């Protein structure tokens, strides 16, 4: 699984960072960023899916979707 963030949709709610700080970071403007290339280790897939489901702007997706 690999995550992507649509920076045009992200409004800086930072729910993803609150739920999975191992997978997300926040830039100087409060917008979310994926850490590294967005690859999710198997043990963090549930957290990644929780972050996707909790993004109010639907800015987070699995790559290839």
Protein backbone atom coordinates (compact mmCIF):
# COMPACT_ATOMS: atom_id res chain seq x y z
CA UNK A 1 0.00 0.00 0.00
CA UNK A 2 1.20 3.50 -0.83
CA UNK A 3 -0.48 6.76 0.16
CA UNK A 4 -0.85 10.00 -1.74
CA UNK A 5 -2.22 13.37 -0.67
CA UNK A 6 -3.94 15.78 -3.03
CA UNK A 7 -2.48 19.07 -1.79
CA UNK A 8 -5.21 21.04 -3.55
CA UNK A 9 -7.85 19.31 -1.41
CA UNK A 10 -6.00 19.32 1.93
CA UNK A 11 -7.36 22.02 4.24
CA UNK A 12 -4.99 21.37 7.15
CA UNK A 13 -7.35 19.61 9.55
CA UNK A 14 -4.43 17.30 10.38
CA UNK A 15 -6.58 14.37 11.44
CA UNK A 16 -4.23 12.12 9.47
CA UNK A 17 -1.23 13.34 11.44
CA UNK A 18 -3.10 12.95 14.73
CA UNK A 19 -4.10 9.37 13.84
CA UNK A 20 -0.88 8.20 12.18
CA UNK A 21 2.16 10.41 12.86
CA UNK A 22 4.33 7.53 11.61
CA UNK A 23 2.88 8.07 8.12
CA UNK A 24 2.17 11.80 7.90
CA UNK A 25 3.85 15.10 8.64
CA UNK A 26 2.68 18.70 8.42
CA UNK A 27 4.35 21.48 6.44
CA UNK A 28 4.90 25.07 7.60
CA UNK A 29 1.43 26.02 6.33
CA UNK A 30 -0.39 23.21 8.16
CA UNK A 31 -0.96 21.01 5.11
CA UNK A 32 -0.37 17.29 5.43
CA UNK A 33 2.47 15.44 3.73
CA UNK A 34 3.18 11.74 3.44
CA UNK A 35 6.46 10.67 4.97
CA UNK A 36 8.97 9.31 2.46
CA UNK A 37 7.43 7.95 -0.72
CA UNK A 38 4.14 7.10 1.02
CA UNK A 39 4.83 3.38 1.30
CA UNK A 40 2.96 1.94 4.28
CA UNK A 41 4.54 -0.92 6.24
CA UNK A 42 2.16 -3.87 6.74
CA UNK A 43 1.83 -3.17 10.48
CA UNK A 44 0.53 0.37 9.76
CA UNK A 45 -2.05 -0.44 7.06
CA UNK A 46 -4.95 -0.23 9.54
CA UNK A 47 -3.78 3.23 10.67
CA UNK A 48 -3.44 4.34 7.05
CA UNK A 49 -6.98 3.24 6.25
CA UNK A 50 -8.25 5.01 9.38
CA UNK A 51 -6.54 8.21 8.24
CA UNK A 52 -8.07 7.88 4.76
CA UNK A 53 -11.53 7.38 6.25
CA UNK A 54 -11.17 10.37 8.60
CA UNK A 55 -10.01 12.97 6.06
CA UNK A 56 -12.95 15.38 5.75
CA UNK A 57 -11.69 16.66 2.40
CA UNK A 58 -11.01 13.19 0.91
CA UNK A 59 -7.46 14.35 0.17
CA UNK A 60 -5.75 11.05 1.08
CA UNK A 61 -5.88 8.05 -1.22
CA UNK A 62 -4.09 4.83 -1.99
CA UNK A 63 -1.77 5.35 -4.95
CA UNK A 64 -3.33 3.99 -8.09
CA UNK A 65 -6.89 4.83 -7.03
